[in-house]
């Protein structure tokens, strides 16, 4: 009972320190590339990095609450295998994208005027793709 209560308190404490909300996560997977689209209600501070064995892309979103449903349907051979999330420290939402192989990532940010929505696009390409 105590561990379950602790986990519930930890989850809600991460939500209390949020300045923005992650509203949507989309993955568009193609032959040698994938695009991860994050939609938020405000701009955010973030950092990202890759890990190997197994290959992963990790995105840390500062002061961000999770309001999106994280679900991923993958096709055989897709670059992105799975997505999961957690709260490694107070006020930090971590997204982990499990990959089939190492990638290079490039990020772009689009603020849609009049919608109060910010879109962060993480374009992934296979490191060994020509």
Protein backbone atom coordinates (compact mmCIF):
# COMPACT_ATOMS: atom_id res chain seq x y z
CA UNK A 1 0.00 0.00 0.00
CA UNK A 2 2.76 2.47 0.93
CA UNK A 3 4.72 1.98 -2.35
CA UNK A 4 1.57 2.51 -4.43
CA UNK A 5 0.74 5.70 -2.51
CA UNK A 6 4.32 6.93 -3.03
CA UNK A 7 4.07 6.38 -6.81
CA UNK A 8 0.75 8.23 -6.97
CA UNK A 9 2.21 11.15 -5.01
CA UNK A 10 5.30 11.19 -7.24
CA UNK A 11 3.15 11.31 -10.39
CA UNK A 12 1.02 14.21 -9.13
CA UNK A 13 4.01 16.15 -7.79
CA UNK A 14 5.50 16.06 -11.31
CA UNK A 15 2.23 17.48 -12.66
CA UNK A 16 2.10 20.31 -10.07
CA UNK A 17 5.44 21.80 -11.18
CA UNK A 18 4.40 21.98 -14.84
CA UNK A 19 4.35 25.24 -16.80
CA UNK A 20 3.12 23.62 -20.00
CA UNK A 21 1.28 20.51 -21.12
CA UNK A 22 2.23 17.88 -23.66
CA UNK A 23 -1.00 17.52 -25.61
CA UNK A 24 -0.11 15.10 -28.38
CA UNK A 25 2.65 12.77 -29.56
CA UNK A 26 2.67 11.52 -33.16
CA UNK A 27 5.19 9.28 -34.90
CA UNK A 28 5.42 9.31 -38.68
CA UNK A 29 7.65 6.44 -39.77
CA UNK A 30 9.03 6.07 -43.30
CA UNK A 31 11.68 3.90 -44.97
CA UNK A 32 14.90 5.41 -43.59
CA UNK A 33 13.42 8.26 -41.53
CA UNK A 34 10.90 9.03 -38.83
CA UNK A 35 9.41 12.26 -37.53
CA UNK A 36 8.36 12.62 -33.91
CA UNK A 37 5.82 15.42 -33.45
CA UNK A 38 5.20 16.83 -29.98
CA UNK A 39 2.35 19.30 -29.51
CA UNK A 40 2.40 21.53 -26.43
CA UNK A 41 0.31 24.44 -25.20
CA UNK A 42 3.41 26.59 -24.59
CA UNK A 43 7.08 26.76 -25.49
CA UNK A 44 9.37 24.60 -23.38
CA UNK A 45 12.92 23.96 -22.33
CA UNK A 46 14.08 20.55 -23.48
CA UNK A 47 17.13 18.44 -24.10
CA UNK A 48 17.59 15.27 -26.07
CA UNK A 49 20.24 12.63 -26.49
CA UNK A 50 20.69 9.15 -27.89
CA UNK A 51 21.69 5.95 -26.13
CA UNK A 52 22.90 2.65 -27.54
CA UNK A 53 22.57 -1.04 -26.70
CA UNK A 54 19.61 -0.85 -27.22
CA UNK A 55 19.27 2.23 -29.44
CA UNK A 56 17.03 4.95 -27.98
CA UNK A 57 16.25 8.64 -28.33
CA UNK A 58 15.55 10.33 -25.01
CA UNK A 59 13.74 13.67 -24.77
CA UNK A 60 13.53 15.49 -21.42
CA UNK A 61 10.83 18.17 -21.22
CA UNK A 62 11.29 20.67 -18.39
CA UNK A 63 8.24 21.66 -16.31
CA UNK A 64 5.89 19.75 -18.59
CA UNK A 65 2.76 17.83 -17.60
CA UNK A 66 1.60 14.82 -19.60
CA UNK A 67 -1.89 15.28 -21.05
CA UNK A 68 -1.38 13.17 -24.18
CA UNK A 69 -2.20 9.52 -24.53
CA UNK A 70 1.07 7.77 -25.33
CA UNK A 71 0.31 4.91 -27.70
CA UNK A 72 2.26 3.75 -30.71
CA UNK A 73 1.27 1.35 -33.43
CA UNK A 74 4.34 0.19 -35.31
CA UNK A 75 4.76 -1.57 -38.60
CA UNK A 76 7.31 -4.32 -39.16
CA UNK A 77 10.65 -2.69 -39.92
CA UNK A 78 9.63 0.74 -38.58
CA UNK A 79 12.48 2.87 -37.23
CA UNK A 80 10.64 3.59 -33.96
CA UNK A 81 9.71 0.41 -32.10
CA UNK A 82 8.10 1.71 -28.94
CA UNK A 83 7.62 4.84 -26.83
CA UNK A 84 7.44 5.09 -23.05
CA UNK A 85 7.60 7.89 -20.53
CA UNK A 86 8.55 8.62 -16.94
CA UNK A 87 9.49 11.36 -14.49
CA UNK A 88 13.22 11.05 -13.67
CA UNK A 89 13.17 14.13 -11.43
CA UNK A 90 10.73 16.72 -10.14
CA UNK A 91 9.13 18.65 -12.98
CA UNK A 92 10.83 16.70 -15.80
CA UNK A 93 8.83 14.55 -18.21
CA UNK A 94 11.02 12.03 -20.05
CA UNK A 95 10.00 10.43 -23.35
CA UNK A 96 12.01 7.41 -24.49
CA UNK A 97 11.72 6.23 -28.08
CA UNK A 98 13.11 2.74 -28.62
CA UNK A 99 14.72 2.48 -32.07
CA UNK A 100 15.68 -0.31 -34.44
CA UNK A 101 19.10 1.23 -35.12
CA UNK A 102 21.20 4.36 -34.39
CA UNK A 103 19.83 7.69 -35.66
CA UNK A 104 20.79 11.31 -36.27
CA UNK A 105 18.23 13.81 -34.92
CA UNK A 106 17.39 17.35 -36.04
CA UNK A 107 14.81 19.48 -34.21
CA UNK A 108 12.57 22.26 -35.50
CA UNK A 109 9.97 24.31 -33.63
CA UNK A 110 6.80 25.76 -35.11
CA UNK A 111 4.47 28.14 -33.27
CA UNK A 112 1.08 28.09 -34.95
CA UNK A 113 -0.17 31.67 -34.74
CA UNK A 114 -3.62 31.97 -33.27
CA UNK A 115 -3.77 28.43 -31.95
CA UNK A 116 -1.54 28.84 -28.86
CA UNK A 117 0.10 25.55 -29.80
CA UNK A 118 3.76 24.80 -30.21
CA UNK A 119 4.93 21.88 -32.33
CA UNK A 120 8.35 20.34 -31.90
CA UNK A 121 9.41 18.09 -34.78
CA UNK A 122 12.29 15.66 -34.18
CA UNK A 123 13.40 14.42 -37.59
CA UNK A 124 15.29 11.14 -37.32
CA UNK A 125 17.37 9.53 -40.02
CA UNK A 126 19.33 6.31 -39.92
CA UNK A 127 23.01 6.94 -39.32
CA UNK A 128 23.98 4.52 -42.08
CA UNK A 129 21.45 5.85 -44.65
CA UNK A 130 22.99 7.47 -47.74
